[in-house]
Amino acid sequence: MQFLPLHSIITQNYVKLLYTYDIIVNLLTFYAQIYYHVKPQYMEKVSGFTIV
């Protein structure tokens, strides 16, 4: 069994976290575009919270 250095483990987990975050952001953007076309008034209400 091979033990990885701590910084290597942290880096791998960090990359996985960024990759997962990127997927979530893409999904949220996709749903936001759908809601924007389907319910414009709904997006106006939450636009202040979605725009970072």
PDB file of N, CA and C in Angstrom:
ATOM      1  N   MET A   1       0.844  -1.193   0.000  1.00  0.00           N
ATOM      2  CA  MET A   1       0.000   0.000   0.000  1.00  0.00           C
ATOM      3  C   MET A   1       0.881   1.246   0.000  1.00  0.00           C
ATOM      4  N   GLN A   2       0.568   2.158  -0.894  1.00  0.00           N
ATOM      5  CA  GLN A   2       1.401   3.352  -1.035  1.00  0.00           C
ATOM      6  C   GLN A   2       0.748   4.531  -0.321  1.00  0.00           C
ATOM      7  N   PHE A   3       1.545   5.209   0.488  1.00  0.00           N
ATOM      8  CA  PHE A   3       1.040   6.388   1.194  1.00  0.00           C
ATOM      9  C   PHE A   3       1.469   7.642   0.444  1.00  0.00           C
ATOM     10  N   LEU A   4       0.506   8.476   0.130  1.00  0.00           N
ATOM     11  CA  LEU A   4       0.812   9.708  -0.583  1.00  0.00           C
ATOM     12  C   LEU A   4       1.169  10.805   0.413  1.00  0.00           C
ATOM     13  N   PRO A   5       2.013  11.732   0.012  1.00  0.00           N
ATOM     14  CA  PRO A   5       2.314  12.889   0.869  1.00  0.00           C
ATOM     15  C   PRO A   5       1.046  13.691   1.134  1.00  0.00           C
ATOM     16  N   LEU A   6       1.029  14.362   2.270  1.00  0.00           N
ATOM     17  CA  LEU A   6      -0.177  15.092   2.670  1.00  0.00           C
ATOM     18  C   LEU A   6      -0.567  16.148   1.639  1.00  0.00           C
ATOM     19  N   HIS A   7       0.425  16.880   1.120  1.00  0.00           N
ATOM     20  CA  HIS A   7       0.113  17.931   0.151  1.00  0.00           C
ATOM     21  C   HIS A   7      -0.463  17.339  -1.130  1.00  0.00           C
ATOM     22  N   SER A   8      -0.048  16.123  -1.476  1.00  0.00           N
ATOM     23  CA  SER A   8      -0.577  15.471  -2.671  1.00  0.00           C
ATOM     24  C   SER A   8      -2.036  15.095  -2.473  1.00  0.00           C
ATOM     25  N   ILE A   9      -2.352  14.593  -1.274  1.00  0.00           N
ATOM     26  CA  ILE A   9      -3.743  14.230  -0.970  1.00  0.00           C
ATOM     27  C   ILE A   9      -4.622  15.475  -0.979  1.00  0.00           C
ATOM     28  N   ILE A  10      -4.124  16.547  -0.363  1.00  0.00           N
ATOM     29  CA  ILE A  10      -4.897  17.789  -0.317  1.00  0.00           C
ATOM     30  C   ILE A  10      -5.123  18.320  -1.729  1.00  0.00           C
ATOM     31  N   THR A  11      -4.070  18.261  -2.565  1.00  0.00           N
ATOM     32  CA  THR A  11      -4.194  18.754  -3.937  1.00  0.00           C
ATOM     33  C   THR A  11      -5.227  17.953  -4.718  1.00  0.00           C
ATOM     34  N   GLN A  12      -5.193  16.626  -4.566  1.00  0.00           N
ATOM     35  CA  GLN A  12      -6.152  15.786  -5.286  1.00  0.00           C
ATOM     36  C   GLN A  12      -7.575  16.086  -4.837  1.00  0.00           C
ATOM     37  N   ASN A  13      -7.787  16.223  -3.530  1.00  0.00           N
ATOM     38  CA  ASN A  13      -9.124  16.529  -3.028  1.00  0.00           C
ATOM     39  C   ASN A  13      -9.569  17.911  -3.490  1.00  0.00           C
ATOM     40  N   TYR A  14      -8.624  18.857  -3.550  1.00  0.00           N
ATOM     41  CA  TYR A  14      -8.945  20.211  -3.987  1.00  0.00           C
ATOM     42  C   TYR A  14      -9.373  20.224  -5.448  1.00  0.00           C
ATOM     43  N   VAL A  15      -8.660  19.434  -6.273  1.00  0.00           N
ATOM     44  CA  VAL A  15      -9.019  19.345  -7.691  1.00  0.00           C
ATOM     45  C   VAL A  15     -10.395  18.710  -7.847  1.00  0.00           C
ATOM     46  N   LYS A  16     -10.662  17.649  -7.057  1.00  0.00           N
ATOM     47  CA  LYS A  16     -11.982  17.019  -7.116  1.00  0.00           C
ATOM     48  C   LYS A  16     -13.063  18.005  -6.703  1.00  0.00           C
ATOM     49  N   LEU A  17     -12.769  18.810  -5.675  1.00  0.00           N
ATOM     50  CA  LEU A  17     -13.741  19.789  -5.191  1.00  0.00           C
ATOM     51  C   LEU A  17     -14.026  20.840  -6.257  1.00  0.00           C
ATOM     52  N   LEU A  18     -12.956  21.333  -6.906  1.00  0.00           N
ATOM     53  CA  LEU A  18     -13.140  22.322  -7.967  1.00  0.00           C
ATOM     54  C   LEU A  18     -13.926  21.731  -9.129  1.00  0.00           C
ATOM     55  N   TYR A  19     -13.629  20.468  -9.474  1.00  0.00           N
ATOM     56  CA  TYR A  19     -14.314  19.814 -10.583  1.00  0.00           C
ATOM     57  C   TYR A  19     -15.795  19.656 -10.269  1.00  0.00           C
ATOM     58  N   THR A  20     -16.102  19.234  -9.038  1.00  0.00           N
ATOM     59  CA  THR A  20     -17.500  19.088  -8.624  1.00  0.00           C
ATOM     60  C   THR A  20     -18.193  20.443  -8.620  1.00  0.00           C
ATOM     61  N   TYR A  21     -17.509  21.477  -8.112  1.00  0.00           N
ATOM     62  CA  TYR A  21     -18.075  22.826  -8.066  1.00  0.00           C
ATOM     63  C   TYR A  21     -18.362  23.331  -9.472  1.00  0.00           C
ATOM     64  N   ASP A  22     -17.460  23.039 -10.410  1.00  0.00           N
ATOM     65  CA  ASP A  22     -17.634  23.468 -11.797  1.00  0.00           C
ATOM     66  C   ASP A  22     -18.873  22.828 -12.406  1.00  0.00           C
ATOM     67  N   ILE A  23     -19.084  21.533 -12.120  1.00  0.00           N
ATOM     68  CA  ILE A  23     -20.270  20.840 -12.630  1.00  0.00           C
ATOM     69  C   ILE A  23     -21.536  21.456 -12.044  1.00  0.00           C
ATOM     70  N   ILE A  24     -21.520  21.735 -10.734  1.00  0.00           N
ATOM     71  CA  ILE A  24     -22.694  22.316 -10.074  1.00  0.00           C
ATOM     72  C   ILE A  24     -23.008  23.684 -10.661  1.00  0.00           C
ATOM     73  N   VAL A  25     -21.970  24.493 -10.872  1.00  0.00           N
ATOM     74  CA  VAL A  25     -22.177  25.828 -11.446  1.00  0.00           C
ATOM     75  C   VAL A  25     -22.767  25.728 -12.845  1.00  0.00           C
ATOM     76  N   ASN A  26     -22.263  24.782 -13.646  1.00  0.00           N
ATOM     77  CA  ASN A  26     -22.788  24.601 -15.000  1.00  0.00           C
ATOM     78  C   ASN A  26     -24.254  24.191 -14.966  1.00  0.00           C
ATOM     79  N   LEU A  27     -24.608  23.299 -14.039  1.00  0.00           N
ATOM     80  CA  LEU A  27     -26.002  22.878 -13.915  1.00  0.00           C
ATOM     81  C   LEU A  27     -26.882  24.044 -13.482  1.00  0.00           C
ATOM     82  N   LEU A  28     -26.403  24.817 -12.502  1.00  0.00           N
ATOM     83  CA  LEU A  28     -27.186  25.959 -12.027  1.00  0.00           C
ATOM     84  C   LEU A  28     -27.364  26.990 -13.132  1.00  0.00           C
ATOM     85  N   THR A  29     -26.315  27.208 -13.919  1.00  0.00           N
ATOM     86  CA  THR A  29     -26.413  28.149 -15.038  1.00  0.00           C
ATOM     87  C   THR A  29     -27.416  27.656 -16.068  1.00  0.00           C
ATOM     88  N   PHE A  30     -27.393  26.343 -16.324  1.00  0.00           N
ATOM     89  CA  PHE A  30     -28.314  25.741 -17.280  1.00  0.00           C
ATOM     90  C   PHE A  30     -29.759  25.920 -16.819  1.00  0.00           C
ATOM     91  N   TYR A  31     -30.021  25.604 -15.534  1.00  0.00           N
ATOM     92  CA  TYR A  31     -31.377  25.767 -15.008  1.00  0.00           C
ATOM     93  C   TYR A  31     -31.777  27.236 -14.963  1.00  0.00           C
ATOM     94  N   ALA A  32     -30.823  28.111 -14.662  1.00  0.00           N
ATOM     95  CA  ALA A  32     -31.123  29.543 -14.610  1.00  0.00           C
ATOM     96  C   ALA A  32     -31.548  30.055 -15.983  1.00  0.00           C
ATOM     97  N   GLN A  33     -30.897  29.556 -17.035  1.00  0.00           N
ATOM     98  CA  GLN A  33     -31.269  29.972 -18.387  1.00  0.00           C
ATOM     99  C   GLN A  33     -32.675  29.490 -18.725  1.00  0.00           C
ATOM    100  N   ILE A  34     -33.011  28.265 -18.296  1.00  0.00           N
ATOM    101  CA  ILE A  34     -34.360  27.743 -18.538  1.00  0.00           C
ATOM    102  C   ILE A  34     -35.393  28.602 -17.816  1.00  0.00           C
ATOM    103  N   TYR A  35     -35.142  28.867 -16.522  1.00  0.00           N
ATOM    104  CA  TYR A  35     -36.077  29.682 -15.745  1.00  0.00           C
ATOM    105  C   TYR A  35     -36.172  31.091 -16.312  1.00  0.00           C
ATOM    106  N   TYR A  36     -35.062  31.612 -16.836  1.00  0.00           N
ATOM    107  CA  TYR A  36     -35.066  32.963 -17.383  1.00  0.00           C
ATOM    108  C   TYR A  36     -35.977  33.046 -18.602  1.00  0.00           C
ATOM    109  N   HIS A  37     -35.983  31.985 -19.412  1.00  0.00           N
ATOM    110  CA  HIS A  37     -36.833  31.977 -20.599  1.00  0.00           C
ATOM    111  C   HIS A  37     -38.274  31.624 -20.244  1.00  0.00           C
ATOM    112  N   VAL A  38     -38.457  30.766 -19.239  1.00  0.00           N
ATOM    113  CA  VAL A  38     -39.801  30.322 -18.889  1.00  0.00           C
ATOM    114  C   VAL A  38     -40.486  31.299 -17.944  1.00  0.00           C
ATOM    115  N   LYS A  39     -39.750  31.731 -16.914  1.00  0.00           N
ATOM    116  CA  LYS A  39     -40.340  32.615 -15.910  1.00  0.00           C
ATOM    117  C   LYS A  39     -39.450  33.842 -15.697  1.00  0.00           C
ATOM    118  N   PRO A  40     -39.563  34.848 -16.544  1.00  0.00           N
ATOM    119  CA  PRO A  40     -38.718  36.044 -16.400  1.00  0.00           C
ATOM    120  C   PRO A  40     -38.943  36.753 -15.068  1.00  0.00           C
ATOM    121  N   GLN A  41     -40.194  36.836 -14.615  1.00  0.00           N
ATOM    122  CA  GLN A  41     -40.468  37.547 -13.370  1.00  0.00           C
ATOM    123  C   GLN A  41     -39.897  36.813 -12.169  1.00  0.00           C
ATOM    124  N   TYR A  42     -39.780  35.474 -12.269  1.00  0.00           N
ATOM    125  CA  TYR A  42     -39.187  34.696 -11.184  1.00  0.00           C
ATOM    126  C   TYR A  42     -37.691  35.002 -11.072  1.00  0.00           C
ATOM    127  N   MET A  43     -37.032  35.120 -12.212  1.00  0.00           N
ATOM    128  CA  MET A  43     -35.597  35.403 -12.200  1.00  0.00           C
ATOM    129  C   MET A  43     -35.322  36.803 -11.673  1.00  0.00           C
ATOM    130  N   GLU A  44     -36.225  37.739 -11.921  1.00  0.00           N
ATOM    131  CA  GLU A  44     -36.021  39.095 -11.424  1.00  0.00           C
ATOM    132  C   GLU A  44     -36.028  39.116  -9.900  1.00  0.00           C
ATOM    133  N   LYS A  45     -36.840  38.240  -9.292  1.00  0.00           N
ATOM    134  CA  LYS A  45     -36.922  38.209  -7.829  1.00  0.00           C
ATOM    135  C   LYS A  45     -35.643  37.665  -7.212  1.00  0.00           C
ATOM    136  N   VAL A  46     -35.045  36.633  -7.841  1.00  0.00           N
ATOM    137  CA  VAL A  46     -33.886  35.968  -7.245  1.00  0.00           C
ATOM    138  C   VAL A  46     -32.567  36.437  -7.850  1.00  0.00           C
ATOM    139  N   SER A  47     -32.619  37.369  -8.805  1.00  0.00           N
ATOM    140  CA  SER A  47     -31.396  37.783  -9.490  1.00  0.00           C
ATOM    141  C   SER A  47     -30.409  38.417  -8.516  1.00  0.00           C
ATOM    142  N   GLY A  48     -30.916  39.092  -7.493  1.00  0.00           N
ATOM    143  CA  GLY A  48     -30.034  39.720  -6.514  1.00  0.00           C
ATOM    144  C   GLY A  48     -29.256  38.704  -5.713  1.00  0.00           C
ATOM    145  N   PHE A  49     -29.800  37.490  -5.581  1.00  0.00           N
ATOM    146  CA  PHE A  49     -29.125  36.460  -4.805  1.00  0.00           C
ATOM    147  C   PHE A  49     -28.229  35.593  -5.686  1.00  0.00           C
ATOM    148  N   THR A  50     -28.605  35.431  -6.973  1.00  0.00           N
ATOM    149  CA  THR A  50     -27.846  34.528  -7.832  1.00  0.00           C
ATOM    150  C   THR A  50     -26.579  35.199  -8.350  1.00  0.00           C
ATOM    151  N   ILE A  51     -26.611  36.515  -8.539  1.00  0.00           N
ATOM    152  CA  ILE A  51     -25.436  37.221  -9.058  1.00  0.00           C
ATOM    153  C   ILE A  51     -24.467  37.472  -7.913  1.00  0.00           C
ATOM    154  N   VAL A  52     -23.273  36.923  -8.036  1.00  0.00           N
ATOM    155  CA  VAL A  52     -22.275  37.076  -6.971  1.00  0.00           C
ATOM    156  C   VAL A  52     -21.260  38.125  -7.398  1.00  0.00           C
TER     157      VAL A  52
END
